Amino acid sequence: MDITLPDRVTGKRYNTQNAYLKARFGKKTVKVSLNGGFSCPNIDGTKGVGGCTYCSARGSGDFGGDLEKSIAEQFAAVKSSLERKWGTDLLYIPYFQANTNTYAPLDKLKRLFGEALSQENAVGLAVSTRPDCISEKTADYLAELSRQTYLTVELGLQTVHDITAEKINRCHTYADFLHGYGVLKERGINVCVHIINGLPGENREMMLETVRKISTLDIHAVKIHLLHIIRGTVLAEQFLRGEFSEMSMEDYIETVCDQLELLPQNVIIERLTGDGDKSSLIAPLWSRDKKSVLNGIDKELRRRGTVQGDRFVKA
């Protein structure tokens, strides 16, 4: 799909997911966050225990469906909430978000993903997972789905720096990510990469290096998250002990704009900051005002006179 920036409708200087989905499907298309009851090898002891230091008790699926309900019931409940915000003329992409959503036997994946795709007006599927949790058989099944619907597999990378990954108890390396990415790409599956700005010990140059490296890959989309420090996590304990500092809003906005300039223009930007649970958020408190963060990014790109891809260097 050809991209022309700034977008003549929204004025955005980056390739928004909203604009991409509307162009692809012809109307507003939104994700429906679901909870399939998956675990994680970084929780159950297979790779590690305790999970990533920043991960909430719900496996970063705080806004997903109710695990006590079926997939169809979750879909209906979240759909109703989305309709109150956006109206009823919508299409939907079921989104398996919490924990590691390929970390299960293949028959479970087929049952849950199939049920999600059978919901009315579901036009695609998004599956969030770790890059070290994609077997060849699972990848073959995902390739089948990709031929049938608009599938995106979201790989949690967070950082290309193994020293940081060790600090946050990620329990996989950048090499592991490249392997998982390769297994998907050789089957033609869309990959969305998650990265986090503000991880302990990382400066802006390290965050930009993460984007430079993923920019050399054939990725479909990217999610840029702000590190949220959530009560009850190991990260919160480290923060309260003064072991690292939160990013300022100004630094975050400038870093994101630098990253957007480094990303290829065809890469879809699915997220530019995250949504922390306000009831348990310790820091950064400025992140509660998401609108100001997004407006700040728009304003800074206009000030610079730049758009996504302006500093992209093809490998």
C-alpha atoms as a PDB file:
ATOM      1  CA  MET A   1       0.000   0.000   0.000  1.00  0.00           C
ATOM      2  CA  ASP A   2       1.456   3.357  -1.023  1.00  0.00           C
ATOM      3  CA  ILE A   3       1.953   5.843   1.808  1.00  0.00           C
ATOM      4  CA  THR A   4       1.984   9.613   1.387  1.00  0.00           C
ATOM      5  CA  LEU A   5       2.994  11.662   4.418  1.00  0.00           C
ATOM      6  CA  PRO A   6       1.792  13.885   5.927  1.00  0.00           C
ATOM      7  CA  ASP A   7      -1.548  12.074   5.679  1.00  0.00           C
ATOM      8  CA  ARG A   8      -3.927  14.437   3.906  1.00  0.00           C
ATOM      9  CA  VAL A   9      -6.865  13.346   6.100  1.00  0.00           C
ATOM     10  CA  THR A  10      -5.335  13.223   9.573  1.00  0.00           C
ATOM     11  CA  GLY A  11      -2.291  15.411   9.083  1.00  0.00           C
ATOM     12  CA  LYS A  12      -0.175  12.780  10.827  1.00  0.00           C
ATOM     13  CA  ARG A  13       3.470  12.569   9.815  1.00  0.00           C
ATOM     14  CA  TYR A  14       3.647   8.835  10.399  1.00  0.00           C
ATOM     15  CA  ASN A  15       1.846   5.781   9.016  1.00  0.00           C
ATOM     16  CA  THR A  16      -0.951   5.262  11.527  1.00  0.00           C
ATOM     17  CA  GLN A  17      -2.625   1.927  12.105  1.00  0.00           C
ATOM     18  CA  ASN A  18      -6.020   3.631  12.028  1.00  0.00           C
ATOM     19  CA  ALA A  19      -5.456   5.006   8.522  1.00  0.00           C
ATOM     20  CA  TYR A  20      -3.987   1.709   7.272  1.00  0.00           C
ATOM     21  CA  LEU A  21      -6.895  -0.393   8.521  1.00  0.00           C
ATOM     22  CA  LYS A  22      -9.499   2.028   7.203  1.00  0.00           C
ATOM     23  CA  ALA A  23      -7.843   1.985   3.783  1.00  0.00           C
ATOM     24  CA  ARG A  24      -7.617  -1.819   3.832  1.00  0.00           C
ATOM     25  CA  PHE A  25     -11.145  -2.604   5.058  1.00  0.00           C
ATOM     26  CA  GLY A  26     -13.104   0.507   4.075  1.00  0.00           C
ATOM     27  CA  LYS A  27     -14.289   1.501   7.549  1.00  0.00           C
ATOM     28  CA  LYS A  28     -13.152   1.975  11.140  1.00  0.00           C
ATOM     29  CA  THR A  29     -11.498  -1.243  12.342  1.00  0.00           C
ATOM     30  CA  VAL A  30     -10.607  -1.788  15.991  1.00  0.00           C
ATOM     31  CA  LYS A  31      -8.874  -4.439  18.071  1.00  0.00           C
ATOM     32  CA  VAL A  32     -10.800  -6.469  20.629  1.00  0.00           C
ATOM     33  CA  SER A  33      -8.428  -7.474  23.421  1.00  0.00           C
ATOM     34  CA  LEU A  34      -8.979 -11.046  24.630  1.00  0.00           C
ATOM     35  CA  ASN A  35      -7.505 -13.289  27.305  1.00  0.00           C
ATOM     36  CA  GLY A  36      -6.963 -16.899  26.285  1.00  0.00           C
ATOM     37  CA  GLY A  37      -5.596 -18.007  29.652  1.00  0.00           C
ATOM     38  CA  PHE A  38      -2.080 -18.532  28.330  1.00  0.00           C
ATOM     39  CA  SER A  39       0.965 -18.712  30.569  1.00  0.00           C
ATOM     40  CA  CYS A  40       4.561 -17.759  29.806  1.00  0.00           C
ATOM     41  CA  PRO A  41       7.836 -19.712  29.879  1.00  0.00           C
ATOM     42  CA  ASN A  42       9.302 -16.828  31.846  1.00  0.00           C
ATOM     43  CA  ILE A  43       6.738 -17.409  34.591  1.00  0.00           C
ATOM     44  CA  ASP A  44       6.336 -21.188  34.833  1.00  0.00           C
ATOM     45  CA  GLY A  45      10.061 -21.933  35.151  1.00  0.00           C
ATOM     46  CA  THR A  46      10.685 -23.190  31.620  1.00  0.00           C
ATOM     47  CA  LYS A  47      12.865 -20.156  30.855  1.00  0.00           C
ATOM     48  CA  GLY A  48      12.626 -18.192  34.102  1.00  0.00           C
ATOM     49  CA  VAL A  49      10.410 -17.317  37.049  1.00  0.00           C
ATOM     50  CA  GLY A  50       8.650 -14.140  38.054  1.00  0.00           C
ATOM     51  CA  GLY A  51       8.199 -12.874  34.494  1.00  0.00           C
ATOM     52  CA  CYS A  52       9.726  -9.706  33.105  1.00  0.00           C
ATOM     53  CA  THR A  53      10.396  -7.164  35.842  1.00  0.00           C
ATOM     54  CA  TYR A  54       7.834  -4.710  34.432  1.00  0.00           C
ATOM     55  CA  CYS A  55       5.043  -7.203  33.772  1.00  0.00           C
ATOM     56  CA  SER A  56       1.803  -6.775  35.693  1.00  0.00           C
ATOM     57  CA  ALA A  57      -0.051  -9.617  37.386  1.00  0.00           C
ATOM     58  CA  ARG A  58      -2.278  -9.913  34.305  1.00  0.00           C
ATOM     59  CA  GLY A  59       0.650 -10.441  31.944  1.00  0.00           C
ATOM     60  CA  SER A  60       0.376  -6.970  30.382  1.00  0.00           C
ATOM     61  CA  GLY A  61      -3.209  -7.705  29.437  1.00  0.00           C
ATOM     62  CA  ASP A  62      -4.809  -5.337  31.936  1.00  0.00           C
ATOM     63  CA  PHE A  63      -7.390  -4.081  29.459  1.00  0.00           C
ATOM     64  CA  GLY A  64      -8.251  -7.461  27.986  1.00  0.00           C
ATOM     65  CA  GLY A  65     -11.237  -9.730  28.381  1.00  0.00           C
ATOM     66  CA  ASP A  66     -12.338 -11.494  31.552  1.00  0.00           C
ATOM     67  CA  LEU A  67     -10.623 -14.873  31.835  1.00  0.00           C
ATOM     68  CA  GLU A  68     -13.700 -16.311  33.570  1.00  0.00           C
ATOM     69  CA  LYS A  69     -15.680 -15.840  30.344  1.00  0.00           C
ATOM     70  CA  SER A  70     -15.508 -17.668  27.024  1.00  0.00           C
ATOM     71  CA  ILE A  71     -13.851 -16.050  24.030  1.00  0.00           C
ATOM     72  CA  ALA A  72     -17.269 -15.263  22.546  1.00  0.00           C
ATOM     73  CA  GLU A  73     -18.425 -13.677  25.824  1.00  0.00           C
ATOM     74  CA  GLN A  74     -15.226 -11.660  26.139  1.00  0.00           C
ATOM     75  CA  PHE A  75     -15.554 -10.497  22.551  1.00  0.00           C
ATOM     76  CA  ALA A  76     -19.134  -9.344  23.118  1.00  0.00           C
ATOM     77  CA  ALA A  77     -18.242  -7.446  26.308  1.00  0.00           C
ATOM     78  CA  VAL A  78     -15.217  -5.646  24.852  1.00  0.00           C
ATOM     79  CA  LYS A  79     -17.094  -4.986  21.599  1.00  0.00           C
ATOM     80  CA  SER A  80     -19.883  -3.290  23.552  1.00  0.00           C
ATOM     81  CA  SER A  81     -17.357  -1.020  25.254  1.00  0.00           C
ATOM     82  CA  LEU A  82     -15.749  -0.101  21.929  1.00  0.00           C
ATOM     83  CA  GLU A  83     -19.123   0.678  20.389  1.00  0.00           C
ATOM     84  CA  ARG A  84     -19.859   3.184  23.154  1.00  0.00           C
ATOM     85  CA  LYS A  85     -16.707   5.021  22.099  1.00  0.00           C
ATOM     86  CA  TRP A  86     -16.733   4.621  18.309  1.00  0.00           C
ATOM     87  CA  GLY A  87     -20.317   3.794  17.362  1.00  0.00           C
ATOM     88  CA  THR A  88     -21.651   0.559  15.918  1.00  0.00           C
ATOM     89  CA  ASP A  89     -20.397   0.774  12.320  1.00  0.00           C
ATOM     90  CA  LEU A  90     -17.178  -1.075  13.083  1.00  0.00           C
ATOM     91  CA  LEU A  91     -15.083  -4.040  11.998  1.00  0.00           C
ATOM     92  CA  TYR A  92     -13.039  -6.002  14.528  1.00  0.00           C
ATOM     93  CA  ILE A  93      -9.666  -7.686  14.937  1.00  0.00           C
ATOM     94  CA  PRO A  94      -9.626 -10.129  17.884  1.00  0.00           C
ATOM     95  CA  TYR A  95      -6.389  -9.542  19.781  1.00  0.00           C
ATOM     96  CA  PHE A  96      -4.858 -12.176  22.066  1.00  0.00           C
ATOM     97  CA  GLN A  97      -2.787  -9.951  24.312  1.00  0.00           C
ATOM     98  CA  ALA A  98      -2.110 -11.266  27.816  1.00  0.00           C
ATOM     99  CA  ASN A  99       1.046 -13.310  28.405  1.00  0.00           C
ATOM    100  CA  THR A 100       2.404 -15.543  25.590  1.00  0.00           C
ATOM    101  CA  ASN A 101      -0.302 -16.489  23.126  1.00  0.00           C
ATOM    102  CA  THR A 102       1.475 -19.252  21.217  1.00  0.00           C
ATOM    103  CA  TYR A 103       2.679 -20.971  24.390  1.00  0.00           C
ATOM    104  CA  ALA A 104       0.204 -23.843  24.337  1.00  0.00           C
ATOM    105  CA  PRO A 105      -0.578 -27.053  22.458  1.00  0.00           C
ATOM    106  CA  LEU A 106      -1.635 -26.555  18.865  1.00  0.00           C
ATOM    107  CA  ASP A 107      -5.156 -27.824  19.477  1.00  0.00           C
ATOM    108  CA  LYS A 108      -5.733 -25.065  22.048  1.00  0.00           C
ATOM    109  CA  LEU A 109      -4.513 -22.420  19.612  1.00  0.00           C
ATOM    110  CA  LYS A 110      -6.803 -23.745  16.897  1.00  0.00           C
ATOM    111  CA  ARG A 111      -9.795 -23.795  19.227  1.00  0.00           C
ATOM    112  CA  LEU A 112      -9.321 -20.290  20.649  1.00  0.00           C
ATOM    113  CA  PHE A 113      -8.201 -18.563  17.464  1.00  0.00           C
ATOM    114  CA  GLY A 114     -10.952 -20.268  15.495  1.00  0.00           C
ATOM    115  CA  GLU A 115     -13.606 -19.146  17.983  1.00  0.00           C
ATOM    116  CA  ALA A 116     -12.304 -15.572  17.843  1.00  0.00           C
ATOM    117  CA  LEU A 117     -12.337 -15.473  14.046  1.00  0.00           C
ATOM    118  CA  SER A 118     -15.899 -16.809  13.964  1.00  0.00           C
ATOM    119  CA  GLN A 119     -17.265 -13.703  15.711  1.00  0.00           C
ATOM    120  CA  GLU A 120     -19.426 -11.342  13.677  1.00  0.00           C
ATOM    121  CA  ASN A 121     -17.490  -8.718  11.696  1.00  0.00           C
ATOM    122  CA  ALA A 122     -14.084 -10.151  12.697  1.00  0.00           C
ATOM    123  CA  VAL A 123     -11.798  -9.361   9.756  1.00  0.00           C
ATOM    124  CA  GLY A 124      -8.428 -10.383  11.137  1.00  0.00           C
ATOM    125  CA  LEU A 125      -6.469 -11.685  14.100  1.00  0.00           C
ATOM    126  CA  ALA A 126      -3.608 -10.319  16.199  1.00  0.00           C
ATOM    127  CA  VAL A 127      -1.518 -12.647  18.355  1.00  0.00           C
ATOM    128  CA  SER A 128       1.007 -11.331  20.856  1.00  0.00           C
ATOM    129  CA  THR A 129       3.831 -13.687  21.801  1.00  0.00           C
ATOM    130  CA  ARG A 130       7.505 -14.144  22.594  1.00  0.00           C
ATOM    131  CA  PRO A 131       9.932 -14.839  19.727  1.00  0.00           C
ATOM    132  CA  ASP A 132      11.200 -17.969  21.486  1.00  0.00           C
ATOM    133  CA  CYS A 133       7.724 -19.543  21.618  1.00  0.00           C
ATOM    134  CA  ILE A 134       6.988 -20.278  17.971  1.00  0.00           C
ATOM    135  CA  SER A 135       7.485 -23.893  16.967  1.00  0.00           C
ATOM    136  CA  GLU A 136       7.610 -24.999  13.342  1.00  0.00           C
ATOM    137  CA  LYS A 137       4.157 -26.614  13.676  1.00  0.00           C
ATOM    138  CA  THR A 138       2.699 -23.482  15.233  1.00  0.00           C
ATOM    139  CA  ALA A 139       4.256 -21.349  12.492  1.00  0.00           C
ATOM    140  CA  ASP A 140       2.736 -23.640   9.847  1.00  0.00           C
ATOM    141  CA  TYR A 141      -0.701 -23.181  11.430  1.00  0.00           C
ATOM    142  CA  LEU A 142      -0.225 -19.398  11.599  1.00  0.00           C
ATOM    143  CA  ALA A 143       0.729 -19.439   7.928  1.00  0.00           C
ATOM    144  CA  GLU A 144      -2.598 -21.164   7.155  1.00  0.00           C
ATOM    145  CA  LEU A 145      -4.444 -18.450   9.069  1.00  0.00           C
ATOM    146  CA  SER A 146      -2.469 -15.773   7.280  1.00  0.00           C
ATOM    147  CA  ARG A 147      -3.713 -17.071   3.948  1.00  0.00           C
ATOM    148  CA  GLN A 148      -7.308 -16.926   5.216  1.00  0.00           C
ATOM    149  CA  THR A 149      -7.412 -13.616   7.082  1.00  0.00           C
ATOM    150  CA  TYR A 150      -5.431 -10.516   8.007  1.00  0.00           C
ATOM    151  CA  LEU A 151      -3.061 -11.956  10.615  1.00  0.00           C
ATOM    152  CA  THR A 152      -0.410 -10.069  12.549  1.00  0.00           C
ATOM    153  CA  VAL A 153       1.913 -11.819  14.982  1.00  0.00           C
ATOM    154  CA  GLU A 154       3.226  -9.365  17.553  1.00  0.00           C
ATOM    155  CA  LEU A 155       6.705 -10.243  18.795  1.00  0.00           C
ATOM    156  CA  GLY A 156       7.872  -8.791  22.087  1.00  0.00           C
ATOM    157  CA  LEU A 157      11.453  -7.686  21.542  1.00  0.00           C
ATOM    158  CA  GLN A 158      11.586  -4.620  23.829  1.00  0.00           C
ATOM    159  CA  THR A 159      15.310  -4.012  23.168  1.00  0.00           C
ATOM    160  CA  VAL A 160      18.114  -5.326  20.968  1.00  0.00           C
ATOM    161  CA  HIS A 161      20.558  -4.971  23.861  1.00  0.00           C
ATOM    162  CA  ASP A 162      21.069  -8.286  25.634  1.00  0.00           C
ATOM    163  CA  ILE A 163      22.516  -6.550  28.695  1.00  0.00           C
ATOM    164  CA  THR A 164      19.178  -4.768  29.159  1.00  0.00           C
ATOM    165  CA  ALA A 165      17.187  -7.920  28.453  1.00  0.00           C
ATOM    166  CA  GLU A 166      19.078  -9.616  31.271  1.00  0.00           C
ATOM    167  CA  LYS A 167      18.314  -6.733  33.652  1.00  0.00           C
ATOM    168  CA  ILE A 168      14.585  -6.979  32.998  1.00  0.00           C
ATOM    169  CA  ASN A 169      14.603 -10.800  33.251  1.00  0.00           C
ATOM    170  CA  ARG A 170      13.472 -11.165  29.657  1.00  0.00           C
ATOM    171  CA  CYS A 171      15.072 -14.615  29.362  1.00  0.00           C
ATOM    172  CA  HIS A 172      15.671 -14.454  25.626  1.00  0.00           C
ATOM    173  CA  THR A 173      18.320 -12.795  23.482  1.00  0.00           C
ATOM    174  CA  TYR A 174      18.261 -10.682  20.355  1.00  0.00           C
ATOM    175  CA  ALA A 175      19.477 -13.750  18.470  1.00  0.00           C
ATOM    176  CA  ASP A 176      16.382 -15.613  19.745  1.00  0.00           C
ATOM    177  CA  PHE A 177      14.235 -12.786  18.400  1.00  0.00           C
ATOM    178  CA  LEU A 178      15.873 -12.970  14.973  1.00  0.00           C
ATOM    179  CA  HIS A 179      15.244 -16.709  14.850  1.00  0.00           C
ATOM    180  CA  GLY A 180      11.555 -16.357  15.751  1.00  0.00           C
ATOM    181  CA  TYR A 181      11.164 -13.496  13.289  1.00  0.00           C
ATOM    182  CA  GLY A 182      12.778 -15.614  10.573  1.00  0.00           C
ATOM    183  CA  VAL A 183      10.472 -18.580  11.205  1.00  0.00           C
ATOM    184  CA  LEU A 184       7.479 -16.292  10.658  1.00  0.00           C
ATOM    185  CA  LYS A 185       8.818 -14.309   7.716  1.00  0.00           C
ATOM    186  CA  GLU A 186       9.838 -17.344   5.711  1.00  0.00           C
ATOM    187  CA  ARG A 187       6.152 -18.250   5.783  1.00  0.00           C
ATOM    188  CA  GLY A 188       5.027 -14.770   4.734  1.00  0.00           C
ATOM    189  CA  ILE A 189       3.424 -13.869   8.082  1.00  0.00           C
ATOM    190  CA  ASN A 190       3.033 -10.211   9.078  1.00  0.00           C
ATOM    191  CA  VAL A 191       5.217  -9.338  12.069  1.00  0.00           C
ATOM    192  CA  CYS A 192       4.676  -6.428  14.451  1.00  0.00           C
ATOM    193  CA  VAL A 193       7.604  -5.710  16.791  1.00  0.00           C
ATOM    194  CA  HIS A 194       7.147  -4.358  20.319  1.00  0.00           C
ATOM    195  CA  ILE A 195       9.852  -2.119  21.784  1.00  0.00           C
ATOM    196  CA  ILE A 196      10.007  -0.207  25.077  1.00  0.00           C
ATOM    197  CA  ASN A 197      11.596   3.182  25.692  1.00  0.00           C
ATOM    198  CA  GLY A 198      12.944   4.006  29.149  1.00  0.00           C
ATOM    199  CA  LEU A 199      14.208   0.583  30.200  1.00  0.00           C
ATOM    200  CA  PRO A 200      16.679   0.620  33.129  1.00  0.00           C
ATOM    201  CA  GLY A 201      20.203   1.573  32.055  1.00  0.00           C
ATOM    202  CA  GLU A 202      19.307   2.578  28.505  1.00  0.00           C
ATOM    203  CA  ASN A 203      20.115   6.019  27.102  1.00  0.00           C
ATOM    204  CA  ARG A 204      18.613   7.549  23.987  1.00  0.00           C
ATOM    205  CA  GLU A 205      21.325   6.218  21.695  1.00  0.00           C
ATOM    206  CA  MET A 206      20.599   2.658  22.846  1.00  0.00           C
ATOM    207  CA  MET A 207      16.885   3.159  22.165  1.00  0.00           C
ATOM    208  CA  LEU A 208      17.672   4.502  18.701  1.00  0.00           C
ATOM    209  CA  GLU A 209      19.970   1.543  18.022  1.00  0.00           C
ATOM    210  CA  THR A 210      17.049  -0.792  18.699  1.00  0.00           C
ATOM    211  CA  VAL A 211      15.064   0.978  15.982  1.00  0.00           C
ATOM    212  CA  ARG A 212      18.000   1.092  13.552  1.00  0.00           C
ATOM    213  CA  LYS A 213      18.318  -2.689  13.791  1.00  0.00           C
ATOM    214  CA  ILE A 214      14.642  -3.531  13.392  1.00  0.00           C
ATOM    215  CA  SER A 215      14.479  -1.060  10.489  1.00  0.00           C
ATOM    216  CA  THR A 216      16.709  -3.415   8.523  1.00  0.00           C
ATOM    217  CA  LEU A 217      14.079  -6.170   8.819  1.00  0.00           C
ATOM    218  CA  ASP A 218      10.953  -6.662   6.743  1.00  0.00           C
ATOM    219  CA  ILE A 219       8.507  -5.849   9.520  1.00  0.00           C
ATOM    220  CA  HIS A 220       4.852  -5.024   8.973  1.00  0.00           C
ATOM    221  CA  ALA A 221       4.328  -2.843  12.030  1.00  0.00           C
ATOM    222  CA  VAL A 222       5.848  -1.590  15.270  1.00  0.00           C
ATOM    223  CA  LYS A 223       4.540  -0.730  18.715  1.00  0.00           C
ATOM    224  CA  ILE A 224       6.576   1.804  20.666  1.00  0.00           C
ATOM    225  CA  HIS A 225       5.824   1.637  24.375  1.00  0.00           C
ATOM    226  CA  LEU A 226       6.765   3.865  27.271  1.00  0.00           C
ATOM    227  CA  LEU A 227       8.031   1.921  30.280  1.00  0.00           C
ATOM    228  CA  HIS A 228       5.284   2.027  32.901  1.00  0.00           C
ATOM    229  CA  ILE A 229       6.287   1.394  36.482  1.00  0.00           C
ATOM    230  CA  ILE A 230       3.401  -0.541  37.997  1.00  0.00           C
ATOM    231  CA  ARG A 231       2.824  -1.187  41.680  1.00  0.00           C
ATOM    232  CA  GLY A 232       3.542  -4.768  42.698  1.00  0.00           C
ATOM    233  CA  THR A 233       6.236  -5.422  40.089  1.00  0.00           C
ATOM    234  CA  VAL A 234       9.950  -6.040  40.583  1.00  0.00           C
ATOM    235  CA  LEU A 235      10.544  -2.944  38.465  1.00  0.00           C
ATOM    236  CA  ALA A 236       8.566  -0.844  40.956  1.00  0.00           C
ATOM    237  CA  GLU A 237      10.744  -2.058  43.814  1.00  0.00           C
ATOM    238  CA  GLN A 238      13.882  -1.157  41.852  1.00  0.00           C
ATOM    239  CA  PHE A 239      12.496   2.278  40.998  1.00  0.00           C
ATOM    240  CA  LEU A 240      11.519   3.040  44.603  1.00  0.00           C
ATOM    241  CA  ARG A 241      15.040   2.065  45.687  1.00  0.00           C
ATOM    242  CA  GLY A 242      16.391   4.667  43.255  1.00  0.00           C
ATOM    243  CA  GLU A 243      18.098   2.172  40.938  1.00  0.00           C
ATOM    244  CA  PHE A 244      16.918   3.970  37.784  1.00  0.00           C
ATOM    245  CA  SER A 245      15.008   7.099  36.768  1.00  0.00           C
ATOM    246  CA  GLU A 246      11.850   7.557  34.729  1.00  0.00           C
ATOM    247  CA  MET A 247      11.935   9.310  31.347  1.00  0.00           C
ATOM    248  CA  SER A 248      10.652  12.868  31.188  1.00  0.00           C
ATOM    249  CA  MET A 249       7.849  13.599  28.747  1.00  0.00           C
ATOM    250  CA  GLU A 250      10.143  15.902  26.757  1.00  0.00           C
ATOM    251  CA  ASP A 251      12.827  13.225  26.425  1.00  0.00           C
ATOM    252  CA  TYR A 252      10.246  10.618  25.460  1.00  0.00           C
ATOM    253  CA  ILE A 253       8.703  12.797  22.759  1.00  0.00           C
ATOM    254  CA  GLU A 254      12.085  13.649  21.249  1.00  0.00           C
ATOM    255  CA  THR A 255      13.189  10.001  21.335  1.00  0.00           C
ATOM    256  CA  VAL A 256      10.005   8.785  19.619  1.00  0.00           C
ATOM    257  CA  CYS A 257      10.363  11.430  16.905  1.00  0.00           C
ATOM    258  CA  ASP A 258      13.962  10.324  16.316  1.00  0.00           C
ATOM    259  CA  GLN A 259      12.760   6.717  16.068  1.00  0.00           C
ATOM    260  CA  LEU A 260       9.981   7.559  13.620  1.00  0.00           C
ATOM    261  CA  GLU A 261      12.479   9.276  11.351  1.00  0.00           C
ATOM    262  CA  LEU A 262      14.585   6.077  11.350  1.00  0.00           C
ATOM    263  CA  LEU A 263      11.725   3.696  10.512  1.00  0.00           C
ATOM    264  CA  PRO A 264      10.814   2.909   6.884  1.00  0.00           C
ATOM    265  CA  GLN A 265       7.762   4.842   5.779  1.00  0.00           C
ATOM    266  CA  ASN A 266       5.790   1.691   4.942  1.00  0.00           C
ATOM    267  CA  VAL A 267       5.980   0.331   8.506  1.00  0.00           C
ATOM    268  CA  ILE A 268       2.638   0.740  10.295  1.00  0.00           C
ATOM    269  CA  ILE A 269       2.856   2.542  13.623  1.00  0.00           C
ATOM    270  CA  GLU A 270       0.413   0.693  15.852  1.00  0.00           C
ATOM    271  CA  ARG A 271       1.323   2.503  19.062  1.00  0.00           C
ATOM    272  CA  LEU A 272       3.432   5.473  20.184  1.00  0.00           C
ATOM    273  CA  THR A 273       2.924   5.104  23.920  1.00  0.00           C
ATOM    274  CA  GLY A 274       1.226   2.684  26.250  1.00  0.00           C
ATOM    275  CA  ASP A 275      -1.740   2.659  28.599  1.00  0.00           C
ATOM    276  CA  GLY A 276      -0.764   1.874  32.162  1.00  0.00           C
ATOM    277  CA  ASP A 277      -3.407   0.934  34.718  1.00  0.00           C
ATOM    278  CA  LYS A 278      -3.934   4.336  36.366  1.00  0.00           C
ATOM    279  CA  SER A 279      -4.924   2.751  39.663  1.00  0.00           C
ATOM    280  CA  SER A 280      -1.526   1.041  40.021  1.00  0.00           C
ATOM    281  CA  LEU A 281       0.750   3.371  38.026  1.00  0.00           C
ATOM    282  CA  ILE A 282       3.668   4.717  40.055  1.00  0.00           C
ATOM    283  CA  ALA A 283       5.505   6.513  37.259  1.00  0.00           C
ATOM    284  CA  PRO A 284       5.739   8.311  34.902  1.00  0.00           C
ATOM    285  CA  LEU A 285       2.588  10.082  36.067  1.00  0.00           C
ATOM    286  CA  TRP A 286       2.661  12.337  32.996  1.00  0.00           C
ATOM    287  CA  SER A 287       1.823   9.264  30.917  1.00  0.00           C
ATOM    288  CA  ARG A 288      -1.754   9.451  32.208  1.00  0.00           C
ATOM    289  CA  ASP A 289      -2.280  12.349  29.798  1.00  0.00           C
ATOM    290  CA  LYS A 290      -1.887  10.281  26.643  1.00  0.00           C
ATOM    291  CA  LYS A 291      -3.429  12.962  24.449  1.00  0.00           C
ATOM    292  CA  SER A 292      -0.729  15.463  25.425  1.00  0.00           C
ATOM    293  CA  VAL A 293       2.001  12.933  24.623  1.00  0.00           C
ATOM    294  CA  LEU A 294       0.595  12.196  21.168  1.00  0.00           C
ATOM    295  CA  ASN A 295      -0.009  15.882  20.472  1.00  0.00           C
ATOM    296  CA  GLY A 296       3.551  16.594  21.583  1.00  0.00           C
ATOM    297  CA  ILE A 297       4.898  14.074  19.065  1.00  0.00           C
ATOM    298  CA  ASP A 298       2.839  15.666  16.278  1.00  0.00           C
ATOM    299  CA  LYS A 299       4.020  19.134  17.280  1.00  0.00           C
ATOM    300  CA  GLU A 300       7.686  18.122  17.420  1.00  0.00           C
ATOM    301  CA  LEU A 301       7.581  16.479  13.983  1.00  0.00           C
ATOM    302  CA  ARG A 302       5.995  19.633  12.551  1.00  0.00           C
ATOM    303  CA  ARG A 303       8.639  21.774  14.253  1.00  0.00           C
ATOM    304  CA  ARG A 304      11.375  19.661  12.702  1.00  0.00           C
ATOM    305  CA  GLY A 305       9.638  19.561   9.331  1.00  0.00           C
ATOM    306  CA  THR A 306      10.186  15.800   9.187  1.00  0.00           C
ATOM    307  CA  VAL A 307       8.078  12.671   8.630  1.00  0.00           C
ATOM    308  CA  GLN A 308       8.469   8.961   9.266  1.00  0.00           C
ATOM    309  CA  GLY A 309      11.341   7.585   7.242  1.00  0.00           C
ATOM    310  CA  ASP A 310      13.268  10.812   6.702  1.00  0.00           C
ATOM    311  CA  ARG A 311      16.440   9.293   8.174  1.00  0.00           C
ATOM    312  CA  PHE A 312      15.848   5.673   7.194  1.00  0.00           C
ATOM    313  CA  VAL A 313      18.953   4.098   5.710  1.00  0.00           C
ATOM    314  CA  LYS A 314      18.350   0.949   3.673  1.00  0.00           C
ATOM    315  CA  ALA A 315      20.748  -1.842   4.587  1.00  0.00           C
END
